[in-house]
Amino acid sequence: MYNNAIVNDSNNQANKTSALNANAGVFSSNEDLAAVCKKIRRDIVTMIAKAGSGHPGGSLSAVEIVVALYWKVLRHKPADPVWKDRDRFILSKGHAVPVLYAALAEQGYFPLKELDTLRKIDSFLQGHADHCCTPGIEMSSGSLGQGLSFSVGTALAGRLDKASWRVYALLSDGECEEGQTWEAAMSAGMFKLDNLTAIVDKNGIQLSGFTKDIMNSDPLTKKFESFGWNVIEIDGHDLTQVLDALKKAQTVKGQPTVIIARTVKGKGVSFMENNVEFHGKAPNAEQLEKALKELA
């Protein structure tokens, strides 16, 4: 399991402008979420540049989604990462874990200084999400296409336990090319898992090119609807739309909900936006300086 000494470090940089509601376990933040998103983006490009490797594009495209969840929607307690009544967030697109590490650090799950150890030997912040080492990580991921299956099983377990917590799964559009994703989608629809919300980060780019050229999975809306899902389509960088969609999903009964979020790979950094090269490439020192100026 993860190192409790690190989690309980007296230097832990908990988010000082967020107040934890001890009863509900929900972060209620007075922060400007747009400003939080910029801070998360700075964390992402900085940690990846220091590591010399990583996946900036898909991390940057998911920022508004992750911020909306961790700052306004999820029931969670950074001081108690395995709190039994927490909502479960499953990062299926595990290569984009820098966005999750940044959010967890900013929320106080571990000290912000640990972000500088990304991908280092003996660091608990590895290049893909690791449930065994990192507080706040629900599933070890990296092999794409498995997260929705895991989420379906988790949602079924919650139902069996008559639990009130919900399951949120963040998928890439690239992994919607994989058969296992659709087996899971079929199962969720059949079992009417209304405690499950999936979010597809539809940024249109995967490892080696544009998804439409490699294996076009459109029309995603009609596909999910045919499997019995409630579908909401949004601009994944519009925080109002993201929050509204997540709230609507909580009210849907008798079927799971998928939010198809149209996003931009590398969002917020001009030379990374819609650039296949930065799917899995770290910025150099000069590029980092330029990115941080744009994110100031």
Protein backbone atom coordinates (compact mmCIF):
# COMPACT_ATOMS: atom_id res chain seq x y z
CA MET A 1 0.00 0.00 0.00
CA TYR A 2 1.02 3.65 -0.20
CA ASN A 3 3.38 5.26 2.27
CA ASN A 4 1.36 6.78 5.12
CA ALA A 5 4.39 8.82 6.20
CA ILE A 6 4.19 10.66 2.90
CA VAL A 7 0.43 11.11 3.10
CA ASN A 8 0.64 12.48 6.64
CA ASP A 9 3.71 14.64 5.98
CA SER A 10 3.47 17.78 8.06
CA ASN A 11 4.46 19.74 4.97
CA ASN A 12 1.37 18.50 3.14
CA GLN A 13 0.17 21.33 0.92
CA ALA A 14 -3.58 20.93 1.44
CA ASN A 15 -5.73 23.26 -0.58
CA LYS A 16 -6.04 26.19 1.80
CA THR A 17 -8.90 27.89 -0.02
CA SER A 18 -11.10 24.79 -0.04
CA ALA A 19 -13.09 23.72 2.99
CA LEU A 20 -13.85 20.06 3.59
CA ASN A 21 -17.38 19.36 4.73
CA ALA A 22 -16.64 16.67 7.30
CA ASN A 23 -20.19 15.38 7.29
CA ALA A 24 -20.71 15.01 3.56
CA GLY A 25 -17.09 14.50 2.60
CA VAL A 26 -17.43 16.92 -0.29
CA PHE A 27 -14.99 19.66 -1.15
CA SER A 28 -16.91 22.90 -1.41
CA SER A 29 -14.56 25.38 -3.01
CA ASN A 30 -14.80 29.14 -3.21
CA GLU A 31 -12.00 29.20 -5.75
CA ASP A 32 -12.32 30.44 -9.29
CA LEU A 33 -12.37 27.09 -11.09
CA ALA A 34 -10.90 28.60 -14.24
CA ALA A 35 -7.91 29.69 -12.16
CA VAL A 36 -7.68 26.20 -10.67
CA CYS A 37 -7.62 24.75 -14.19
CA LYS A 38 -4.68 26.98 -15.11
CA LYS A 39 -2.83 25.90 -11.97
CA ILE A 40 -3.45 22.23 -12.78
CA ARG A 41 -2.17 22.79 -16.32
CA ARG A 42 0.99 24.41 -14.96
CA ASP A 43 1.48 21.44 -12.65
CA ILE A 44 1.06 19.03 -15.57
CA VAL A 45 3.57 20.57 -17.94
CA THR A 46 6.07 21.22 -15.15
CA MET A 47 6.07 17.70 -13.74
CA ILE A 48 6.28 16.10 -17.19
CA ALA A 49 9.12 18.40 -18.23
CA LYS A 50 11.04 17.57 -15.05
CA ALA A 51 10.45 13.86 -15.63
CA GLY A 52 11.59 14.11 -19.24
CA SER A 53 8.75 11.87 -20.36
CA GLY A 54 5.00 11.56 -20.04
CA HIS A 55 1.73 12.31 -21.76
CA PRO A 56 0.86 16.02 -21.73
CA GLY A 57 -1.76 16.10 -24.51
CA GLY A 58 -4.42 13.86 -22.96
CA SER A 59 -3.71 15.20 -19.48
CA LEU A 60 -4.35 18.79 -20.59
CA SER A 61 -7.52 17.87 -22.47
CA ALA A 62 -9.13 16.43 -19.32
CA VAL A 63 -8.43 19.28 -16.90
CA GLU A 64 -11.91 20.81 -16.71
CA ILE A 65 -13.47 17.37 -16.27
CA VAL A 66 -11.17 16.43 -13.39
CA VAL A 67 -11.42 19.83 -11.71
CA ALA A 68 -15.23 19.80 -11.89
CA LEU A 69 -15.27 16.36 -10.29
CA TYR A 70 -12.76 16.95 -7.50
CA TRP A 71 -13.72 20.52 -6.65
CA LYS A 72 -17.52 20.33 -6.93
CA VAL A 73 -18.97 16.86 -7.47
CA LEU A 74 -17.16 13.95 -5.83
CA ARG A 75 -17.67 12.98 -2.22
CA HIS A 76 -14.12 12.43 -1.03
CA LYS A 77 -11.82 13.00 1.94
CA PRO A 78 -8.14 13.64 1.19
CA ALA A 79 -7.29 12.85 4.81
CA ASP A 80 -8.98 9.47 4.42
CA PRO A 81 -8.40 8.22 0.84
CA VAL A 82 -10.17 4.90 1.50
CA TRP A 83 -13.21 6.41 3.24
CA LYS A 84 -15.91 3.80 2.62
CA ASP A 85 -18.55 6.32 1.53
CA ARG A 86 -16.38 8.09 -1.04
CA ASP A 87 -17.40 8.31 -4.67
CA ARG A 88 -15.13 6.24 -6.89
CA PHE A 89 -13.25 7.94 -9.73
CA ILE A 90 -11.75 5.50 -12.22
CA LEU A 91 -9.11 6.86 -14.60
CA SER A 92 -9.32 4.42 -17.49
CA LYS A 93 -6.98 6.50 -19.67
CA GLY A 94 -4.14 5.82 -17.25
CA HIS A 95 -1.43 7.52 -19.32
CA ALA A 96 -3.15 10.85 -18.53
CA VAL A 97 -2.50 10.37 -14.82
CA PRO A 98 -0.55 13.66 -14.46
CA VAL A 99 -3.89 15.50 -14.44
CA LEU A 100 -5.08 13.28 -11.61
CA TYR A 101 -1.81 13.58 -9.67
CA ALA A 102 -2.05 17.36 -9.92
CA ALA A 103 -5.64 17.38 -8.67
CA LEU A 104 -4.87 15.00 -5.80
CA ALA A 105 -1.86 17.05 -4.73
CA GLU A 106 -3.77 20.33 -4.92
CA GLN A 107 -6.53 18.78 -2.81
CA GLY A 108 -4.08 17.59 -0.17
CA TYR A 109 -3.83 13.83 -0.73
CA PHE A 110 -0.05 14.21 -0.69
CA PRO A 111 2.43 17.11 -0.73
CA LEU A 112 2.72 19.19 -3.89
CA LYS A 113 6.49 18.71 -3.83
CA GLU A 114 5.95 15.04 -4.70
CA LEU A 115 4.89 16.07 -8.22
CA ASP A 116 8.58 16.71 -8.91
CA THR A 117 9.20 12.96 -8.48
CA LEU A 118 6.98 11.89 -11.38
CA ARG A 119 8.36 8.74 -13.06
CA LYS A 120 11.44 8.68 -10.83
CA ILE A 121 12.71 5.42 -9.34
CA ASP A 122 11.09 4.79 -5.94
CA SER A 123 8.49 7.52 -6.53
CA PHE A 124 4.88 6.62 -5.78
CA LEU A 125 3.89 8.75 -8.80
CA GLN A 126 4.60 6.43 -11.69
CA GLY A 127 3.89 7.02 -15.37
CA HIS A 128 0.56 5.19 -15.16
CA ALA A 129 -1.88 5.09 -12.26
CA ASP A 130 -0.97 2.62 -9.49
CA HIS A 131 -3.59 1.73 -6.91
CA CYS A 132 -1.04 -0.03 -4.71
CA CYS A 133 1.23 2.97 -4.25
CA THR A 134 -0.66 6.23 -4.62
CA PRO A 135 -3.34 7.60 -2.26
CA GLY A 136 -6.54 8.48 -4.11
CA ILE A 137 -6.01 6.04 -7.01
CA GLU A 138 -8.84 3.53 -7.33
CA MET A 139 -7.48 1.36 -10.17
CA SER A 140 -4.08 0.55 -11.62
CA SER A 141 -4.44 1.50 -15.27
CA GLY A 142 -2.42 1.89 -18.41
CA SER A 143 -3.64 -0.94 -20.58
CA LEU A 144 -6.45 0.89 -22.33
CA GLY A 145 -9.99 -0.43 -22.56
CA GLN A 146 -10.22 -1.93 -19.09
CA GLY A 147 -11.50 0.97 -17.02
CA LEU A 148 -15.15 0.80 -17.97
CA SER A 149 -15.27 -2.92 -17.14
CA PHE A 150 -13.72 -2.18 -13.75
CA SER A 151 -16.24 0.61 -13.24
CA VAL A 152 -19.18 -1.66 -14.07
CA GLY A 153 -17.97 -4.17 -11.48
CA THR A 154 -17.52 -1.41 -8.92
CA ALA A 155 -21.01 -0.04 -9.60
CA LEU A 156 -22.51 -3.53 -9.25
CA ALA A 157 -20.69 -3.95 -5.93
CA GLY A 158 -22.10 -0.64 -4.74
CA ARG A 159 -25.59 -1.74 -5.67
CA LEU A 160 -25.19 -5.06 -3.83
CA ASP A 161 -24.00 -3.18 -0.75
CA LYS A 162 -26.90 -0.70 -1.06
CA ALA A 163 -24.26 2.04 -0.97
CA SER A 164 -25.01 5.67 -1.76
CA TRP A 165 -21.68 6.40 -3.44
CA ARG A 166 -21.39 6.77 -7.20
CA VAL A 167 -18.84 5.65 -9.79
CA TYR A 168 -17.28 7.99 -12.36
CA ALA A 169 -15.08 6.66 -15.17
CA LEU A 170 -12.95 8.79 -17.48
CA LEU A 171 -12.25 7.16 -20.85
CA SER A 172 -10.30 8.26 -23.90
CA ASP A 173 -11.94 8.24 -27.30
CA GLY A 174 -9.07 6.09 -28.54
CA GLU A 175 -10.00 3.27 -26.18
CA CYS A 176 -13.54 3.38 -27.53
CA GLU A 177 -12.01 1.49 -30.44
CA GLU A 178 -11.49 -1.51 -28.14
CA GLY A 179 -14.00 -4.33 -27.88
CA GLN A 180 -13.80 -4.62 -24.11
CA THR A 181 -15.16 -1.10 -23.77
CA TRP A 182 -18.32 -2.13 -25.63
CA GLU A 183 -18.72 -5.36 -23.66
CA ALA A 184 -18.70 -3.20 -20.54
CA ALA A 185 -21.12 -0.72 -22.10
CA MET A 186 -23.48 -3.56 -22.94
CA SER A 187 -23.30 -4.88 -19.37
CA ALA A 188 -23.91 -1.48 -17.80
CA GLY A 189 -26.98 -0.96 -19.99
CA MET A 190 -28.35 -4.43 -19.26
CA PHE A 191 -27.94 -4.03 -15.50
CA LYS A 192 -29.34 -0.47 -15.59
CA LEU A 193 -26.43 0.94 -13.58
CA ASP A 194 -27.73 4.40 -12.82
CA ASN A 195 -24.97 4.82 -10.20
CA LEU A 196 -22.40 4.89 -13.01
CA THR A 197 -21.35 7.90 -15.06
CA ALA A 198 -18.77 7.54 -17.81
CA ILE A 199 -17.05 10.53 -19.39
CA VAL A 200 -15.40 10.19 -22.78
CA ASP A 201 -12.58 12.67 -23.33
CA LYS A 202 -13.19 13.07 -27.06
CA ASN A 203 -10.07 14.95 -28.11
CA GLY A 204 -9.79 13.21 -31.47
CA ILE A 205 -6.14 12.15 -31.19
CA GLN A 206 -4.45 8.94 -30.10
CA LEU A 207 -0.87 7.70 -30.02
CA SER A 208 -0.09 7.77 -33.73
CA GLY A 209 -2.65 10.07 -35.31
CA PHE A 210 -6.22 11.28 -35.44
CA THR A 211 -8.85 8.79 -34.28
CA LYS A 212 -11.02 9.42 -37.36
CA ASP A 213 -8.17 8.19 -39.57
CA ILE A 214 -7.11 5.21 -37.46
CA MET A 215 -10.41 3.68 -36.37
CA ASN A 216 -13.38 6.01 -36.48
CA SER A 217 -15.66 5.21 -33.52
CA ASP A 218 -18.34 7.74 -34.45
CA PRO A 219 -21.22 8.07 -34.00
CA LEU A 220 -20.54 7.51 -30.30
CA THR A 221 -23.88 8.93 -29.25
CA LYS A 222 -25.91 6.43 -31.25
CA LYS A 223 -23.67 3.57 -30.18
CA PHE A 224 -24.08 4.26 -26.47
CA GLU A 225 -27.80 4.90 -26.85
CA SER A 226 -28.19 1.53 -28.57
CA PHE A 227 -26.57 -0.09 -25.52
CA GLY A 228 -29.14 1.52 -23.20
CA TRP A 229 -27.21 4.54 -22.00
CA ASN A 230 -28.40 8.06 -21.36
CA VAL A 231 -26.10 10.29 -23.43
CA ILE A 232 -25.15 13.93 -22.80
CA GLU A 233 -22.91 15.78 -25.26
CA ILE A 234 -20.95 18.82 -24.10
CA ASP A 235 -17.99 21.11 -24.69
CA GLY A 236 -15.50 19.50 -22.30
CA HIS A 237 -13.72 22.79 -21.64
CA ASP A 238 -16.85 24.72 -20.63
CA LEU A 239 -17.00 24.31 -16.86
CA THR A 240 -20.68 25.24 -16.70
CA GLN A 241 -21.55 22.54 -19.23
CA VAL A 242 -19.35 19.98 -17.46
CA LEU A 243 -20.90 20.68 -14.06
CA ASP A 244 -24.45 20.73 -15.42
CA ALA A 245 -23.92 17.38 -17.17
CA LEU A 246 -22.48 15.75 -14.04
CA LYS A 247 -25.42 17.01 -11.97
CA LYS A 248 -27.95 15.79 -14.54
CA ALA A 249 -26.33 12.36 -14.53
CA GLN A 250 -27.02 12.08 -10.81
CA THR A 251 -30.77 12.41 -11.44
CA VAL A 252 -31.07 9.76 -14.16
CA LYS A 253 -32.76 6.55 -13.03
CA GLY A 254 -32.78 3.12 -14.64
CA GLN A 255 -29.81 3.56 -16.97
CA PRO A 256 -26.14 4.58 -16.88
CA THR A 257 -25.09 7.96 -18.24
CA VAL A 258 -22.21 8.76 -20.55
CA ILE A 259 -21.00 12.31 -21.04
CA ILE A 260 -19.29 12.75 -24.39
CA ALA A 261 -16.99 15.70 -23.85
CA ARG A 262 -15.58 17.36 -26.97
CA THR A 263 -12.10 18.49 -26.03
CA VAL A 264 -8.82 19.70 -27.53
CA LYS A 265 -5.69 17.61 -27.09
CA GLY A 266 -3.06 19.73 -25.37
CA LYS A 267 -5.61 22.38 -24.38
CA GLY A 268 -4.12 25.59 -23.01
CA VAL A 269 -0.68 25.33 -24.59
CA SER A 270 -0.71 26.66 -28.15
CA PHE A 271 2.00 24.45 -29.64
CA MET A 272 0.55 21.31 -28.03
CA GLU A 273 -3.07 21.85 -29.10
CA ASN A 274 -4.21 19.29 -31.70
CA ASN A 275 -0.58 18.21 -32.05
CA VAL A 276 -0.15 14.43 -32.30
CA GLU A 277 3.51 14.82 -31.33
CA PHE A 278 2.60 15.78 -27.77
CA HIS A 279 0.48 12.73 -27.08
CA GLY A 280 3.49 11.24 -25.32
CA LYS A 281 6.33 13.74 -25.49
CA ALA A 282 7.67 15.95 -22.71
CA PRO A 283 8.35 19.62 -23.39
CA ASN A 284 11.99 20.69 -23.30
CA ALA A 285 13.19 23.60 -21.15
CA GLU A 286 12.45 26.22 -23.81
CA GLN A 287 9.00 24.77 -24.50
CA LEU A 288 8.21 24.60 -20.78
CA GLU A 289 9.07 28.27 -20.39
CA LYS A 290 6.77 29.17 -23.26
CA ALA A 291 3.96 26.96 -21.92
CA LEU A 292 4.16 28.49 -18.44
CA LYS A 293 4.00 32.00 -19.91
CA GLU A 294 0.83 31.04 -21.77
CA LEU A 295 -0.63 29.56 -18.58
CA ALA A 296 0.27 32.50 -16.34
